[in-house]
Amino acid sequence: LEDKAPQLGAALAYYTVFSLAPLILVLLAVIGFIFRKDPAGAWDRMTEQMSYFLDPSGIKVVQSIAETAAKPSAGLLATIIGVALALFGASGVFGQLQDALNTIWGVKAKPGAAIKDFLGIRFLSFAMVAGVCFLLLVTLAVEAILKGFSHYVQQVLPGGVVVAVTVYIVFDLSIIIFLFAAMFKYLPDVEVRWRDVVVGATMTALLFLFGKWALGLYLGSGAAGSAYGAASSLITLLLWIYYSSQILLFGAEFTQVYAQRAGRGVTPDEHAVQVETTEVETGNRGS
């Protein structure tokens, strides 16, 4: 609460909702370029991968946005401009996430930062967008390999189903741990050891999976968004992102505390300074 996590989570949910359409447009462009023979099938498999992070109502909103974005464009130039603007818009959520993590970890950019620092931050956000797209594409290939492995194991081993399910669970958990670790390591303006980051990311991933299950029970009942009529899917998605962001920010707090007490600590990098808050209580003035 001292780091204003509820407010930071609300801001992050706001930026995520408005960055969702640009991010989907970028994904569609990448999928259309790589999977030219069957882009629709690749997108369907991509939405299956998104189920790691979103509930069914969120997937419904994503599919609706994708259907609108996939409509024929005015031409090549309009498509290029649209993708460029989409990249800029999609990077906004990572910029907001960076600001939230800096607040939680008690650092900020040095006063009077040059324009190159701003461009560096924006480039890092672009890199995170590209990294997320790349990771989702990689999971498509790995998922196909795991399906083949699952069928083989079930035919060869008596308890093959248990082995296959275990492999899927480990794979899902590894993806989430990797994403959280990359966020904690590269987004904030701090220097922190990979060992401390991995411990914090693992804790965050376990909390995220449990929270996903608990939120799915609550939001799946329809009680949260039923009062909003046609906008219920969007409101449910907004609530999902908000509560998920609280788990992410709690994980960042845990990582900071763990690094300070059990690791080598968290120190500002060369472009940032430590922020310390001092409470001063003044007495009544006058005689």
Protein backbone atom coordinates (compact mmCIF):
# COMPACT_ATOMS: atom_id res chain seq x y z
CA LEU A 1 0.00 0.00 0.00
CA GLU A 2 2.89 2.38 0.69
CA ASP A 3 3.93 2.06 -2.95
CA LYS A 4 0.33 2.74 -4.10
CA ALA A 5 -0.02 -0.66 -5.75
CA PRO A 6 -3.83 -0.33 -6.20
CA GLN A 7 -3.38 2.94 -8.13
CA LEU A 8 -0.49 1.53 -10.13
CA GLY A 9 -2.54 -1.55 -10.97
CA ALA A 10 -5.47 0.59 -12.13
CA ALA A 11 -3.19 2.64 -14.38
CA LEU A 12 -1.62 -0.53 -15.76
CA ALA A 13 -5.04 -2.03 -16.52
CA TYR A 14 -6.05 1.20 -18.29
CA TYR A 15 -2.93 1.22 -20.47
CA THR A 16 -3.26 -2.50 -21.19
CA VAL A 17 -6.81 -2.18 -22.47
CA PHE A 18 -5.88 0.67 -24.81
CA SER A 19 -2.70 -1.13 -25.94
CA LEU A 20 -4.56 -4.37 -26.62
CA ALA A 21 -5.79 -3.45 -30.10
CA PRO A 22 -2.35 -2.23 -31.32
CA LEU A 23 -0.69 -5.34 -29.91
CA ILE A 24 -3.18 -7.60 -31.68
CA LEU A 25 -2.60 -5.69 -34.93
CA VAL A 26 1.14 -6.28 -34.61
CA LEU A 27 0.56 -9.98 -33.91
CA LEU A 28 -1.70 -10.29 -36.96
CA ALA A 29 0.94 -8.64 -39.14
CA VAL A 30 3.66 -10.98 -37.87
CA ILE A 31 1.48 -14.07 -38.23
CA GLY A 32 0.41 -13.04 -41.73
CA PHE A 33 4.06 -12.63 -42.74
CA ILE A 34 5.36 -15.90 -41.24
CA PHE A 35 2.35 -18.20 -41.73
CA ARG A 36 1.31 -17.10 -45.22
CA LYS A 37 -0.22 -20.46 -46.10
CA ASP A 38 -2.55 -20.70 -43.11
CA PRO A 39 -2.68 -17.44 -41.10
CA ALA A 40 -6.17 -18.20 -39.76
CA GLY A 41 -5.08 -21.54 -38.34
CA ALA A 42 -1.98 -19.97 -36.81
CA TRP A 43 -4.10 -17.28 -35.16
CA ASP A 44 -6.44 -19.91 -33.70
CA ARG A 45 -3.46 -21.70 -32.16
CA MET A 46 -2.16 -18.35 -30.92
CA THR A 47 -5.38 -17.65 -29.04
CA GLU A 48 -4.99 -21.07 -27.41
CA GLN A 49 -1.60 -19.92 -26.10
CA MET A 50 -3.21 -16.73 -24.77
CA SER A 51 -5.40 -18.90 -22.54
CA TYR A 52 -2.30 -19.23 -20.32
CA PHE A 53 -2.82 -15.59 -19.32
CA LEU A 54 -6.46 -14.68 -20.12
CA ASP A 55 -9.83 -16.03 -19.09
CA PRO A 56 -12.51 -16.95 -21.70
CA SER A 57 -14.08 -13.47 -21.62
CA GLY A 58 -10.68 -11.94 -22.36
CA ILE A 59 -10.17 -14.34 -25.27
CA LYS A 60 -13.58 -13.30 -26.59
CA VAL A 61 -12.57 -9.62 -26.57
CA VAL A 62 -9.26 -10.44 -28.27
CA GLN A 63 -11.01 -12.39 -31.02
CA SER A 64 -13.48 -9.55 -31.56
CA ILE A 65 -10.65 -7.02 -31.92
CA ALA A 66 -8.78 -9.36 -34.26
CA GLU A 67 -11.81 -9.76 -36.53
CA THR A 68 -12.07 -5.98 -36.87
CA ALA A 69 -8.33 -5.48 -37.37
CA ALA A 70 -8.16 -8.23 -39.99
CA LYS A 71 -10.46 -6.41 -42.40
CA PRO A 72 -8.77 -5.39 -45.67
CA SER A 73 -6.76 -2.17 -45.39
CA ALA A 74 -6.56 0.74 -47.81
CA GLY A 75 -3.13 -0.24 -49.17
CA LEU A 76 0.47 -1.05 -48.41
CA LEU A 77 1.36 2.43 -47.16
CA ALA A 78 -1.65 2.51 -44.85
CA THR A 79 -0.70 -0.92 -43.51
CA ILE A 80 2.90 0.14 -42.82
CA ILE A 81 1.77 3.32 -41.06
CA GLY A 82 -0.83 1.35 -39.10
CA VAL A 83 1.72 -1.21 -37.91
CA ALA A 84 4.18 1.55 -36.93
CA LEU A 85 1.51 3.34 -34.91
CA ALA A 86 0.44 0.02 -33.44
CA LEU A 87 4.00 -0.68 -32.27
CA PHE A 88 4.13 2.71 -30.59
CA GLY A 89 0.75 2.17 -28.95
CA ALA A 90 1.49 -1.39 -27.84
CA SER A 91 4.73 -0.26 -26.21
CA GLY A 92 2.77 2.08 -23.93
CA VAL A 93 1.74 -0.69 -21.58
CA PHE A 94 5.36 -1.71 -21.05
CA GLY A 95 6.30 1.91 -20.39
CA GLN A 96 3.62 2.07 -17.71
CA LEU A 97 4.77 -1.26 -16.28
CA GLN A 98 8.33 0.06 -16.12
CA ASP A 99 7.14 3.13 -14.22
CA ALA A 100 5.19 0.92 -11.79
CA LEU A 101 8.18 -1.34 -11.15
CA ASN A 102 10.45 1.68 -10.65
CA THR A 103 8.00 3.03 -8.07
CA ILE A 104 7.85 -0.28 -6.21
CA TRP A 105 11.63 -0.71 -6.26
CA GLY A 106 12.23 2.89 -5.17
CA VAL A 107 14.09 4.28 -8.17
CA LYS A 108 13.45 6.83 -10.89
CA ALA A 109 15.21 8.17 -13.95
CA LYS A 110 17.83 10.81 -13.25
CA PRO A 111 16.52 14.39 -13.40
CA GLY A 112 17.20 16.13 -16.67
CA ALA A 113 17.43 12.90 -18.64
CA ALA A 114 18.38 13.44 -22.25
CA ILE A 115 16.23 12.58 -25.23
CA LYS A 116 18.41 9.51 -25.82
CA ASP A 117 17.25 8.10 -22.48
CA PHE A 118 13.62 8.50 -23.54
CA LEU A 119 14.39 6.82 -26.85
CA GLY A 120 16.19 4.06 -24.97
CA ILE A 121 13.14 3.46 -22.80
CA ARG A 122 10.88 3.41 -25.85
CA PHE A 123 13.23 1.02 -27.64
CA LEU A 124 13.16 -1.29 -24.63
CA SER A 125 9.37 -1.23 -24.74
CA PHE A 126 9.47 -2.09 -28.46
CA ALA A 127 11.85 -4.94 -27.63
CA MET A 128 9.44 -6.28 -25.00
CA VAL A 129 6.59 -6.19 -27.55
CA ALA A 130 8.76 -8.07 -30.04
CA GLY A 131 9.83 -10.50 -27.32
CA VAL A 132 6.24 -11.30 -26.37
CA CYS A 133 5.33 -11.85 -30.03
CA PHE A 134 8.38 -14.07 -30.53
CA LEU A 135 7.63 -16.09 -27.40
CA LEU A 136 4.05 -16.72 -28.49
CA LEU A 137 5.29 -17.84 -31.90
CA VAL A 138 7.85 -20.16 -30.31
CA THR A 139 5.16 -21.71 -28.13
CA LEU A 140 3.26 -22.67 -31.30
CA ALA A 141 6.18 -24.81 -32.45
CA VAL A 142 6.85 -26.23 -28.98
CA GLU A 143 3.15 -27.00 -28.53
CA ALA A 144 3.17 -29.06 -31.73
CA ILE A 145 6.24 -30.97 -30.50
CA LEU A 146 4.62 -31.60 -27.12
CA LYS A 147 1.46 -32.95 -28.75
CA GLY A 148 3.51 -35.45 -30.72
CA PHE A 149 5.46 -36.38 -27.58
CA SER A 150 2.21 -36.76 -25.64
CA HIS A 151 0.73 -39.21 -28.16
CA TYR A 152 3.97 -41.20 -28.23
CA VAL A 153 4.28 -41.41 -24.43
CA GLN A 154 0.65 -42.47 -23.99
CA GLN A 155 1.17 -45.34 -26.44
CA VAL A 156 4.51 -46.53 -25.03
CA LEU A 157 4.18 -46.08 -21.25
CA PRO A 158 1.36 -47.40 -19.01
CA GLY A 159 1.22 -44.11 -17.11
CA GLY A 160 1.85 -41.99 -20.15
CA VAL A 161 -1.08 -39.66 -19.46
CA VAL A 162 0.43 -38.57 -16.15
CA VAL A 163 3.80 -37.94 -17.80
CA ALA A 164 2.21 -35.94 -20.63
CA VAL A 165 0.15 -33.79 -18.24
CA THR A 166 3.23 -33.16 -16.09
CA VAL A 167 5.22 -32.04 -19.13
CA TYR A 168 2.44 -29.64 -20.15
CA ILE A 169 2.26 -28.16 -16.64
CA VAL A 170 6.04 -27.67 -16.50
CA PHE A 171 5.98 -26.09 -19.96
CA ASP A 172 3.19 -23.67 -19.04
CA LEU A 173 4.89 -22.72 -15.79
CA SER A 174 8.24 -22.21 -17.54
CA ILE A 175 6.70 -19.76 -20.02
CA ILE A 176 5.16 -17.67 -17.26
CA ILE A 177 8.34 -17.73 -15.15
CA PHE A 178 10.40 -16.61 -18.15
CA LEU A 179 8.04 -13.70 -18.88
CA PHE A 180 8.04 -12.47 -15.29
CA ALA A 181 11.80 -12.88 -15.01
CA ALA A 182 12.35 -10.84 -18.18
CA MET A 183 10.05 -8.09 -16.88
CA PHE A 184 11.76 -7.91 -13.48
CA LYS A 185 15.25 -8.04 -14.98
CA TYR A 186 15.03 -5.65 -17.94
CA LEU A 187 12.13 -3.24 -17.42
CA PRO A 188 13.03 -1.47 -14.14
CA ASP A 189 15.99 0.93 -13.99
CA VAL A 190 17.84 -1.31 -11.52
CA GLU A 191 20.63 -3.85 -11.39
CA VAL A 192 19.58 -7.16 -9.88
CA ARG A 193 21.01 -10.68 -10.06
CA TRP A 194 19.37 -13.30 -12.24
CA ARG A 195 19.26 -15.65 -9.26
CA ASP A 196 17.14 -13.22 -7.25
CA VAL A 197 14.96 -12.48 -10.28
CA VAL A 198 14.26 -16.16 -10.99
CA VAL A 199 13.24 -16.81 -7.37
CA GLY A 200 10.86 -13.83 -7.44
CA ALA A 201 9.52 -14.76 -10.88
CA THR A 202 8.85 -18.34 -9.77
CA MET A 203 6.93 -17.12 -6.72
CA THR A 204 4.99 -14.68 -8.91
CA ALA A 205 4.19 -17.38 -11.47
CA LEU A 206 2.80 -19.72 -8.81
CA LEU A 207 0.68 -16.89 -7.40
CA PHE A 208 -0.44 -16.00 -10.92
CA LEU A 209 -1.58 -19.56 -11.69
CA PHE A 210 -3.48 -19.77 -8.41
CA GLY A 211 -4.93 -16.30 -8.97
CA LYS A 212 -5.93 -17.23 -12.51
CA TRP A 213 -7.87 -20.21 -11.17
CA ALA A 214 -9.50 -18.18 -8.38
CA LEU A 215 -10.35 -15.25 -10.65
CA GLY A 216 -11.73 -17.66 -13.22
CA LEU A 217 -14.19 -19.00 -10.64
CA TYR A 218 -15.27 -15.48 -9.67
CA LEU A 219 -15.38 -13.85 -13.09
CA GLY A 220 -16.71 -16.98 -14.77
CA SER A 221 -19.89 -16.75 -12.72
CA GLY A 222 -20.80 -13.59 -14.63
CA ALA A 223 -21.64 -11.67 -11.47
CA ALA A 224 -18.81 -9.17 -11.95
CA GLY A 225 -19.82 -7.92 -15.38
CA SER A 226 -23.52 -8.82 -15.63
CA ALA A 227 -24.62 -5.30 -14.67
CA TYR A 228 -22.83 -3.74 -17.66
CA GLY A 229 -24.86 -5.32 -20.44
CA ALA A 230 -23.12 -5.26 -23.83
CA ALA A 231 -19.88 -4.05 -22.22
CA SER A 232 -19.74 -6.98 -19.78
CA SER A 233 -16.92 -8.76 -21.66
CA LEU A 234 -14.77 -5.62 -21.69
CA ILE A 235 -15.46 -4.90 -18.01
CA THR A 236 -14.65 -8.50 -17.10
CA LEU A 237 -11.39 -8.24 -19.06
CA LEU A 238 -10.56 -4.97 -17.28
CA LEU A 239 -11.17 -6.59 -13.89
CA TRP A 240 -9.08 -9.57 -14.92
CA ILE A 241 -6.16 -7.34 -15.94
CA TYR A 242 -6.46 -5.27 -12.76
CA TYR A 243 -6.39 -8.23 -10.38
CA SER A 244 -3.63 -9.89 -12.41
CA SER A 245 -1.59 -6.68 -12.24
CA GLN A 246 -1.94 -6.73 -8.46
CA ILE A 247 -0.42 -10.21 -8.44
CA LEU A 248 2.39 -8.98 -10.69
CA LEU A 249 3.10 -5.97 -8.48
CA PHE A 250 3.01 -8.14 -5.35
CA GLY A 251 5.54 -10.40 -7.02
CA ALA A 252 7.73 -7.37 -7.72
CA GLU A 253 7.52 -6.41 -4.04
CA PHE A 254 8.47 -9.96 -3.06
CA THR A 255 11.41 -9.92 -5.48
CA GLN A 256 12.67 -6.64 -4.05
CA VAL A 257 12.43 -7.85 -0.44
CA TYR A 258 14.07 -11.18 -1.30
CA ALA A 259 16.90 -9.46 -3.16
CA GLN A 260 17.50 -7.07 -0.26
CA ARG A 261 17.47 -9.72 2.47
CA ALA A 262 18.73 -12.90 0.83
CA GLY A 263 20.51 -11.67 -2.28
CA ARG A 264 22.82 -8.86 -3.25
CA GLY A 265 20.17 -6.19 -3.17
CA VAL A 266 18.64 -3.95 -5.80
CA THR A 267 20.68 -0.94 -6.92
CA PRO A 268 19.82 1.79 -9.45
CA ASP A 269 21.54 1.52 -12.81
CA GLU A 270 23.60 4.33 -14.32
CA HIS A 271 20.52 6.11 -15.67
CA ALA A 272 18.55 6.13 -12.38
CA VAL A 273 18.74 7.30 -8.78
CA GLN A 274 17.41 5.91 -5.52
CA VAL A 275 14.24 7.49 -4.16
CA GLU A 276 13.83 7.87 -0.40
CA THR A 277 10.67 9.15 1.26
CA THR A 278 10.99 11.04 4.53
CA GLU A 279 7.95 11.85 6.62
CA VAL A 280 8.19 15.16 8.46
CA GLU A 281 5.68 16.02 11.15
CA THR A 282 5.44 19.73 11.84
CA GLY A 283 4.00 21.16 15.01
CA ASN A 284 1.43 23.90 15.29
CA ARG A 285 2.84 27.24 14.36
CA GLY A 286 2.34 30.29 16.43
CA SER A 287 2.87 31.21 20.04
